[in-house]
């Protein structure tokens, strides 16, 4: 019953989440690197003098 409810509520996202959980060891480092890059670039942008 729970599985049927999840299929109804999540719809097509259910298949995407299964794919993500299967390859989580690949996606997690990518997400961490992108977040780190965004933080570094925002700090670098704030430190540059305004012309």
PDB file of N, CA and C in Angstrom:
ATOM      1  N   UNK A   1       0.824  -1.195   0.000  1.00  0.00           N
ATOM      2  CA  UNK A   1       0.000   0.000   0.000  1.00  0.00           C
ATOM      3  C   UNK A   1       0.870   1.262   0.000  1.00  0.00           C
ATOM      4  N   UNK A   2       1.918   1.246   0.791  1.00  0.00           N
ATOM      5  CA  UNK A   2       2.807   2.405   0.847  1.00  0.00           C
ATOM      6  C   UNK A   2       3.456   2.627  -0.515  1.00  0.00           C
ATOM      7  N   UNK A   3       3.837   1.551  -1.168  1.00  0.00           N
ATOM      8  CA  UNK A   3       4.458   1.665  -2.478  1.00  0.00           C
ATOM      9  C   UNK A   3       3.507   2.307  -3.492  1.00  0.00           C
ATOM     10  N   UNK A   4       2.231   1.930  -3.423  1.00  0.00           N
ATOM     11  CA  UNK A   4       1.236   2.514  -4.330  1.00  0.00           C
ATOM     12  C   UNK A   4       1.055   4.008  -4.049  1.00  0.00           C
ATOM     13  N   UNK A   5       1.051   4.390  -2.781  1.00  0.00           N
ATOM     14  CA  UNK A   5       0.929   5.809  -2.429  1.00  0.00           C
ATOM     15  C   UNK A   5       2.137   6.611  -2.911  1.00  0.00           C
ATOM     16  N   UNK A   6       3.331   6.042  -2.751  1.00  0.00           N
ATOM     17  CA  UNK A   6       4.524   6.733  -3.228  1.00  0.00           C
ATOM     18  C   UNK A   6       4.504   6.890  -4.740  1.00  0.00           C
ATOM     19  N   UNK A   7       4.058   5.869  -5.451  1.00  0.00           N
ATOM     20  CA  UNK A   7       3.946   5.979  -6.901  1.00  0.00           C
ATOM     21  C   UNK A   7       2.972   7.080  -7.295  1.00  0.00           C
ATOM     22  N   UNK A   8       1.863   7.187  -6.572  1.00  0.00           N
ATOM     23  CA  UNK A   8       0.860   8.210  -6.875  1.00  0.00           C
ATOM     24  C   UNK A   8       1.385   9.607  -6.561  1.00  0.00           C
ATOM     25  N   UNK A   9       2.043   9.773  -5.405  1.00  0.00           N
ATOM     26  CA  UNK A   9       2.485  11.100  -4.978  1.00  0.00           C
ATOM     27  C   UNK A   9       3.712  11.589  -5.744  1.00  0.00           C
ATOM     28  N   UNK A  10       4.651  10.701  -6.013  1.00  0.00           N
ATOM     29  CA  UNK A  10       5.888  11.121  -6.658  1.00  0.00           C
ATOM     30  C   UNK A  10       5.830  11.057  -8.177  1.00  0.00           C
ATOM     31  N   UNK A  11       5.027  10.171  -8.697  1.00  0.00           N
ATOM     32  CA  UNK A  11       4.867  10.056 -10.142  1.00  0.00           C
ATOM     33  C   UNK A  11       6.180   9.756 -10.832  1.00  0.00           C
ATOM     34  N   UNK A  12       6.534  10.537 -11.855  1.00  0.00           N
ATOM     35  CA  UNK A  12       7.761  10.261 -12.605  1.00  0.00           C
ATOM     36  C   UNK A  12       9.043  10.489 -11.794  1.00  0.00           C
ATOM     37  N   UNK A  13       8.957  11.221 -10.705  1.00  0.00           N
ATOM     38  CA  UNK A  13      10.141  11.449  -9.882  1.00  0.00           C
ATOM     39  C   UNK A  13      10.613  10.158  -9.217  1.00  0.00           C
ATOM     40  N   UNK A  14       9.751   9.191  -9.104  1.00  0.00           N
ATOM     41  CA  UNK A  14      10.110   7.923  -8.473  1.00  0.00           C
ATOM     42  C   UNK A  14      11.226   7.236  -9.268  1.00  0.00           C
ATOM     43  N   UNK A  15      11.115   7.209 -10.583  1.00  0.00           N
ATOM     44  CA  UNK A  15      12.148   6.590 -11.406  1.00  0.00           C
ATOM     45  C   UNK A  15      13.456   7.349 -11.353  1.00  0.00           C
ATOM     46  N   UNK A  16      13.373   8.668 -11.298  1.00  0.00           N
ATOM     47  CA  UNK A  16      14.575   9.497 -11.223  1.00  0.00           C
ATOM     48  C   UNK A  16      15.287   9.268  -9.897  1.00  0.00           C
ATOM     49  N   UNK A  17      14.527   9.173  -8.816  1.00  0.00           N
ATOM     50  CA  UNK A  17      15.154   8.952  -7.514  1.00  0.00           C
ATOM     51  C   UNK A  17      15.782   7.569  -7.432  1.00  0.00           C
ATOM     52  N   UNK A  18      15.180   6.569  -8.050  1.00  0.00           N
ATOM     53  CA  UNK A  18      15.796   5.235  -8.066  1.00  0.00           C
ATOM     54  C   UNK A  18      17.126   5.276  -8.809  1.00  0.00           C
ATOM     55  N   UNK A  19      17.178   5.999  -9.923  1.00  0.00           N
ATOM     56  CA  UNK A  19      18.426   6.148 -10.680  1.00  0.00           C
ATOM     57  C   UNK A  19      19.466   6.862  -9.837  1.00  0.00           C
ATOM     58  N   UNK A  20      19.064   7.927  -9.127  1.00  0.00           N
ATOM     59  CA  UNK A  20      19.991   8.684  -8.288  1.00  0.00           C
ATOM     60  C   UNK A  20      20.546   7.808  -7.174  1.00  0.00           C
ATOM     61  N   UNK A  21      19.693   7.053  -6.499  1.00  0.00           N
ATOM     62  CA  UNK A  21      20.158   6.217  -5.397  1.00  0.00           C
ATOM     63  C   UNK A  21      21.074   5.098  -5.891  1.00  0.00           C
ATOM     64  N   UNK A  22      20.848   4.629  -7.113  1.00  0.00           N
ATOM     65  CA  UNK A  22      21.697   3.575  -7.656  1.00  0.00           C
ATOM     66  C   UNK A  22      23.105   4.095  -7.937  1.00  0.00           C
ATOM     67  N   UNK A  23      23.223   5.337  -8.404  1.00  0.00           N
ATOM     68  CA  UNK A  23      24.517   5.920  -8.752  1.00  0.00           C
ATOM     69  C   UNK A  23      24.888   7.060  -7.824  1.00  0.00           C
ATOM     70  N   UNK A  24      24.508   6.955  -6.577  1.00  0.00           N
ATOM     71  CA  UNK A  24      24.730   8.016  -5.605  1.00  0.00           C
ATOM     72  C   UNK A  24      26.211   8.305  -5.382  1.00  0.00           C
ATOM     73  N   UNK A  25      27.050   7.301  -5.451  1.00  0.00           N
ATOM     74  CA  UNK A  25      28.486   7.497  -5.242  1.00  0.00           C
ATOM     75  C   UNK A  25      29.114   8.336  -6.353  1.00  0.00           C
ATOM     76  N   UNK A  26      28.448   8.486  -7.484  1.00  0.00           N
ATOM     77  CA  UNK A  26      28.941   9.343  -8.562  1.00  0.00           C
ATOM     78  C   UNK A  26      28.384  10.753  -8.414  1.00  0.00           C
ATOM     79  N   UNK A  27      27.098  10.870  -8.105  1.00  0.00           N
ATOM     80  CA  UNK A  27      26.448  12.177  -8.064  1.00  0.00           C
ATOM     81  C   UNK A  27      26.842  13.007  -6.842  1.00  0.00           C
ATOM     82  N   UNK A  28      27.032  12.397  -5.685  1.00  0.00           N
ATOM     83  CA  UNK A  28      27.333  13.162  -4.482  1.00  0.00           C
ATOM     84  C   UNK A  28      28.627  13.968  -4.586  1.00  0.00           C
ATOM     85  N   UNK A  29      29.745  13.384  -5.071  1.00  0.00           N
ATOM     86  CA  UNK A  29      30.949  14.229  -5.214  1.00  0.00           C
ATOM     87  C   UNK A  29      30.759  15.375  -6.200  1.00  0.00           C
ATOM     88  N   UNK A  30      29.988  15.144  -7.255  1.00  0.00           N
ATOM     89  CA  UNK A  30      29.731  16.209  -8.225  1.00  0.00           C
ATOM     90  C   UNK A  30      28.984  17.356  -7.559  1.00  0.00           C
ATOM     91  N   UNK A  31      27.986  17.040  -6.763  1.00  0.00           N
ATOM     92  CA  UNK A  31      27.196  18.060  -6.070  1.00  0.00           C
ATOM     93  C   UNK A  31      28.049  18.819  -5.064  1.00  0.00           C
ATOM     94  N   UNK A  32      28.910  18.117  -4.334  1.00  0.00           N
ATOM     95  CA  UNK A  32      29.775  18.763  -3.344  1.00  0.00           C
ATOM     96  C   UNK A  32      30.768  19.696  -4.032  1.00  0.00           C
ATOM     97  N   UNK A  33      31.361  19.258  -5.140  1.00  0.00           N
ATOM     98  CA  UNK A  33      32.315  20.094  -5.867  1.00  0.00           C
ATOM     99  C   UNK A  33      31.629  21.342  -6.417  1.00  0.00           C
ATOM    100  N   UNK A  34      30.431  21.204  -6.965  1.00  0.00           N
ATOM    101  CA  UNK A  34      29.714  22.369  -7.483  1.00  0.00           C
ATOM    102  C   UNK A  34      29.370  23.359  -6.371  1.00  0.00           C
ATOM    103  N   UNK A  35      28.960  22.858  -5.214  1.00  0.00           N
ATOM    104  CA  UNK A  35      28.644  23.744  -4.091  1.00  0.00           C
ATOM    105  C   UNK A  35      29.901  24.464  -3.604  1.00  0.00           C
ATOM    106  N   UNK A  36      31.010  23.740  -3.506  1.00  0.00           N
ATOM    107  CA  UNK A  36      32.269  24.353  -3.092  1.00  0.00           C
ATOM    108  C   UNK A  36      32.706  25.423  -4.083  1.00  0.00           C
ATOM    109  N   UNK A  37      32.585  25.145  -5.368  1.00  0.00           N
ATOM    110  CA  UNK A  37      32.933  26.107  -6.421  1.00  0.00           C
ATOM    111  C   UNK A  37      32.082  27.367  -6.294  1.00  0.00           C
ATOM    112  N   UNK A  38      30.796  27.192  -6.046  1.00  0.00           N
ATOM    113  CA  UNK A  38      29.895  28.343  -5.914  1.00  0.00           C
ATOM    114  C   UNK A  38      30.287  29.201  -4.706  1.00  0.00           C
ATOM    115  N   UNK A  39      30.632  28.577  -3.598  1.00  0.00           N
ATOM    116  CA  UNK A  39      31.032  29.322  -2.399  1.00  0.00           C
ATOM    117  C   UNK A  39      32.327  30.080  -2.656  1.00  0.00           C
ATOM    118  N   UNK A  40      33.305  29.421  -3.262  1.00  0.00           N
ATOM    119  CA  UNK A  40      34.594  30.069  -3.525  1.00  0.00           C
ATOM    120  C   UNK A  40      34.419  31.231  -4.489  1.00  0.00           C
ATOM    121  N   UNK A  41      33.647  31.033  -5.536  1.00  0.00           N
ATOM    122  CA  UNK A  41      33.474  32.101  -6.515  1.00  0.00           C
ATOM    123  C   UNK A  41      32.698  33.280  -5.932  1.00  0.00           C
ATOM    124  N   UNK A  42      31.737  33.025  -5.070  1.00  0.00           N
ATOM    125  CA  UNK A  42      30.996  34.139  -4.468  1.00  0.00           C
ATOM    126  C   UNK A  42      31.894  34.925  -3.511  1.00  0.00           C
ATOM    127  N   UNK A  43      32.782  34.245  -2.785  1.00  0.00           N
ATOM    128  CA  UNK A  43      33.714  34.954  -1.906  1.00  0.00           C
ATOM    129  C   UNK A  43      34.707  35.767  -2.722  1.00  0.00           C
ATOM    130  N   UNK A  44      35.184  35.196  -3.816  1.00  0.00           N
ATOM    131  CA  UNK A  44      36.129  35.893  -4.668  1.00  0.00           C
ATOM    132  C   UNK A  44      35.487  37.116  -5.301  1.00  0.00           C
ATOM    133  N   UNK A  45      34.207  36.999  -5.658  1.00  0.00           N
ATOM    134  CA  UNK A  45      33.482  38.115  -6.268  1.00  0.00           C
ATOM    135  C   UNK A  45      33.302  39.249  -5.247  1.00  0.00           C
ATOM    136  N   UNK A  46      33.032  38.903  -3.993  1.00  0.00           N
ATOM    137  CA  UNK A  46      32.837  39.914  -2.960  1.00  0.00           C
ATOM    138  C   UNK A  46      34.148  40.596  -2.561  1.00  0.00           C
ATOM    139  N   UNK A  47      35.267  39.905  -2.693  1.00  0.00           N
ATOM    140  CA  UNK A  47      36.552  40.486  -2.304  1.00  0.00           C
ATOM    141  C   UNK A  47      37.123  41.423  -3.359  1.00  0.00           C
ATOM    142  N   UNK A  48      36.699  41.290  -4.603  1.00  0.00           N
ATOM    143  CA  UNK A  48      37.251  42.142  -5.648  1.00  0.00           C
ATOM    144  C   UNK A  48      36.781  43.583  -5.460  1.00  0.00           C
ATOM    145  N   UNK A  49      37.685  44.543  -5.669  1.00  0.00           N
ATOM    146  CA  UNK A  49      37.308  45.950  -5.488  1.00  0.00           C
ATOM    147  C   UNK A  49      36.358  46.407  -6.600  1.00  0.00           C
ATOM    148  N   UNK A  50      35.430  47.244  -6.218  1.00  0.00           N
ATOM    149  CA  UNK A  50      34.478  47.784  -7.204  1.00  0.00           C
ATOM    150  C   UNK A  50      35.150  48.911  -7.976  1.00  0.00           C
ATOM    151  N   UNK A  51      35.024  48.866  -9.289  1.00  0.00           N
ATOM    152  CA  UNK A  51      35.642  49.903 -10.126  1.00  0.00           C
ATOM    153  C   UNK A  51      34.605  50.892 -10.596  1.00  0.00           C
TER     154      UNK A  51
END
